[in-house]
Amino acid sequence: MPVPRSSRLQVAEPAVSYTQRPPAVIDASVLCAILFVEPDLEEAVARAGQHRLLAPNLLIHEVTHVAVIKQRRGESLDDLIAALQRLSSLDLQLEPVDSVGTLELAVRHGLTAYDAAYLWLAAAHRVPLLTFDRRLADAARTQLASLR
């Protein structure tokens, strides 16, 4: 809406860095890139750092499962423990998800229940979903576009 020339209203706004970061849902693929210093680390940090992060409660179990697999493949247990301990230093809000809604999204988009939980949370909050999983990203684009 254009401001009339005769307006006396003055607006002073803080720099963008002082405003609250917009929320986004982060999935395990992005979080693991950050925690375990994976090849996509820089991209993950750049995108995730722009947002206040949300995730379904199951994220902790998924990240821990990745650590178990990495340990079985020969990575140091101490390094993996340190990575998991960094999780508590992140500004990450874990939330419950609706099981019926998650099931419906999993069926509609051909996703696992785990992936559908991230999508459900993003749709419920109407926020972006950060993922390296192309199939989940495609489903999110379709589902989130339908919310408009």
Protein backbone atom coordinates (compact mmCIF):
# COMPACT_ATOMS: atom_id res chain seq x y z
CA MET A 1 0.00 0.00 0.00
CA PRO A 2 1.57 3.33 -1.04
CA VAL A 3 2.15 5.91 1.69
CA PRO A 4 0.62 9.33 0.94
CA ARG A 5 3.21 12.08 0.43
CA SER A 6 1.64 14.15 3.17
CA SER A 7 2.05 11.41 5.77
CA ARG A 8 3.84 12.48 8.92
CA LEU A 9 4.31 8.92 10.10
CA GLN A 10 7.94 8.07 10.61
CA VAL A 11 9.12 4.48 10.91
CA ALA A 12 12.38 3.42 12.48
CA GLU A 13 13.20 -0.26 12.07
CA PRO A 14 16.00 -2.28 13.58
CA ALA A 15 18.51 -3.99 11.37
CA VAL A 16 17.42 -7.42 10.19
CA SER A 17 19.90 -9.11 12.50
CA TYR A 18 17.98 -7.74 15.50
CA THR A 19 14.62 -9.11 14.50
CA GLN A 20 13.45 -12.58 15.36
CA ARG A 21 14.47 -15.19 12.84
CA PRO A 22 11.55 -16.80 11.01
CA PRO A 23 10.84 -20.42 11.97
CA ALA A 24 11.58 -23.44 9.78
CA VAL A 25 11.42 -27.18 10.30
CA ILE A 26 14.80 -28.90 10.09
CA ASP A 27 15.03 -32.60 9.30
CA ALA A 28 17.65 -35.14 10.32
CA SER A 29 19.55 -34.92 7.01
CA VAL A 30 20.32 -31.23 7.56
CA LEU A 31 20.96 -31.54 11.28
CA CYS A 32 23.31 -34.50 10.77
CA ALA A 33 25.29 -32.50 8.21
CA ILE A 34 25.82 -29.91 10.93
CA LEU A 35 26.47 -32.20 13.89
CA PHE A 36 28.68 -34.75 12.14
CA VAL A 37 30.53 -32.19 9.95
CA GLU A 38 29.40 -33.80 6.71
CA PRO A 39 30.17 -32.51 3.19
CA ASP A 40 27.01 -30.37 3.09
CA LEU A 41 27.94 -28.62 6.36
CA GLU A 42 28.39 -25.11 4.96
CA GLU A 43 25.10 -25.12 3.08
CA ALA A 44 23.26 -26.60 6.07
CA VAL A 45 24.66 -23.99 8.47
CA ALA A 46 23.97 -21.13 6.05
CA ARG A 47 20.31 -22.09 5.63
CA ALA A 48 19.57 -23.28 9.16
CA GLY A 49 21.25 -20.22 10.67
CA GLN A 50 18.62 -18.00 9.08
CA HIS A 51 15.81 -19.66 11.04
CA ARG A 52 14.47 -20.46 14.47
CA LEU A 53 14.49 -24.25 14.19
CA LEU A 54 11.59 -26.62 14.85
CA ALA A 55 11.55 -30.41 14.58
CA PRO A 56 9.36 -33.31 15.59
CA ASN A 57 10.37 -35.14 18.77
CA LEU A 58 11.55 -38.10 16.72
CA LEU A 59 14.53 -36.08 15.48
CA ILE A 60 16.60 -37.07 18.51
CA HIS A 61 16.11 -40.76 17.74
CA GLU A 62 16.93 -40.32 14.06
CA VAL A 63 20.14 -38.43 14.81
CA THR A 64 21.14 -41.01 17.40
CA HIS A 65 20.49 -43.78 14.87
CA VAL A 66 22.82 -42.04 12.42
CA ALA A 67 25.49 -41.98 15.14
CA VAL A 68 25.03 -45.72 15.72
CA ILE A 69 25.48 -46.42 12.00
CA LYS A 70 28.56 -44.18 11.84
CA GLN A 71 30.09 -45.98 14.84
CA ARG A 72 29.46 -49.37 13.20
CA ARG A 73 31.27 -48.07 10.11
CA GLY A 74 34.31 -47.25 12.20
CA GLU A 75 33.90 -43.67 13.34
CA SER A 76 35.16 -42.80 16.80
CA LEU A 77 32.62 -43.22 19.59
CA ASP A 78 34.09 -40.19 21.37
CA ASP A 79 33.62 -38.02 18.25
CA LEU A 80 30.06 -39.21 17.86
CA ILE A 81 29.26 -38.52 21.51
CA ALA A 82 30.72 -35.02 21.14
CA ALA A 83 28.53 -34.47 18.06
CA LEU A 84 25.41 -35.56 19.93
CA GLN A 85 26.34 -33.32 22.86
CA ARG A 86 26.44 -30.34 20.46
CA LEU A 87 22.77 -30.99 19.82
CA SER A 88 21.86 -29.57 23.23
CA SER A 89 23.61 -26.28 22.38
CA LEU A 90 21.41 -25.66 19.35
CA ASP A 91 18.37 -23.45 19.51
CA LEU A 92 16.02 -26.24 18.50
CA GLN A 93 12.40 -26.56 19.55
CA LEU A 94 11.14 -30.17 19.54
CA GLU A 95 7.41 -30.67 19.15
CA PRO A 96 4.91 -33.53 19.08
CA VAL A 97 3.15 -34.31 15.82
CA ASP A 98 -0.33 -35.53 15.03
CA SER A 99 -0.23 -39.24 14.17
CA VAL A 100 -3.37 -39.17 12.00
CA GLY A 101 -2.16 -36.16 10.06
CA THR A 102 1.25 -37.76 9.67
CA LEU A 103 -0.33 -40.97 8.36
CA GLU A 104 -2.43 -39.03 5.86
CA LEU A 105 0.60 -37.16 4.56
CA ALA A 106 2.67 -40.35 4.35
CA VAL A 107 -0.03 -42.04 2.28
CA ARG A 108 -0.73 -38.98 0.10
CA HIS A 109 2.93 -38.40 -0.76
CA GLY A 110 4.38 -41.92 -0.53
CA LEU A 111 6.64 -41.00 2.40
CA THR A 112 7.80 -42.86 5.46
CA ALA A 113 5.99 -41.92 8.64
CA TYR A 114 9.23 -40.33 9.85
CA ASP A 115 9.51 -38.03 6.84
CA ALA A 116 5.80 -37.27 6.94
CA ALA A 117 6.22 -36.09 10.55
CA TYR A 118 8.59 -33.33 9.38
CA LEU A 119 6.16 -32.41 6.64
CA TRP A 120 3.21 -32.39 9.04
CA LEU A 121 5.06 -30.03 11.38
CA ALA A 122 6.03 -27.68 8.55
CA ALA A 123 2.45 -27.65 7.27
CA ALA A 124 0.98 -27.16 10.75
CA HIS A 125 3.20 -24.11 11.33
CA ARG A 126 3.10 -23.01 7.67
CA VAL A 127 6.88 -22.71 7.59
CA PRO A 128 9.67 -23.92 5.28
CA LEU A 129 11.10 -27.41 5.59
CA LEU A 130 14.90 -27.73 5.38
CA THR A 131 15.97 -31.11 3.99
CA PHE A 132 18.54 -32.71 1.69
CA ASP A 133 16.00 -35.45 0.86
CA ARG A 134 14.70 -34.71 -2.64
CA ARG A 135 11.58 -36.86 -2.26
CA LEU A 136 10.62 -35.15 0.98
CA ALA A 137 11.36 -31.74 -0.54
CA ASP A 138 9.13 -32.48 -3.53
CA ALA A 139 6.30 -33.58 -1.22
CA ALA A 140 6.80 -30.46 0.90
CA ARG A 141 6.65 -28.18 -2.13
CA THR A 142 3.36 -29.76 -3.18
CA GLN A 143 1.84 -29.82 0.29
CA LEU A 144 2.97 -26.38 1.41
CA ALA A 145 1.86 -24.79 -1.88
CA SER A 146 -1.63 -26.21 -1.31
CA LEU A 147 -1.91 -24.28 1.97
CA ARG A 148 -1.97 -20.87 0.34
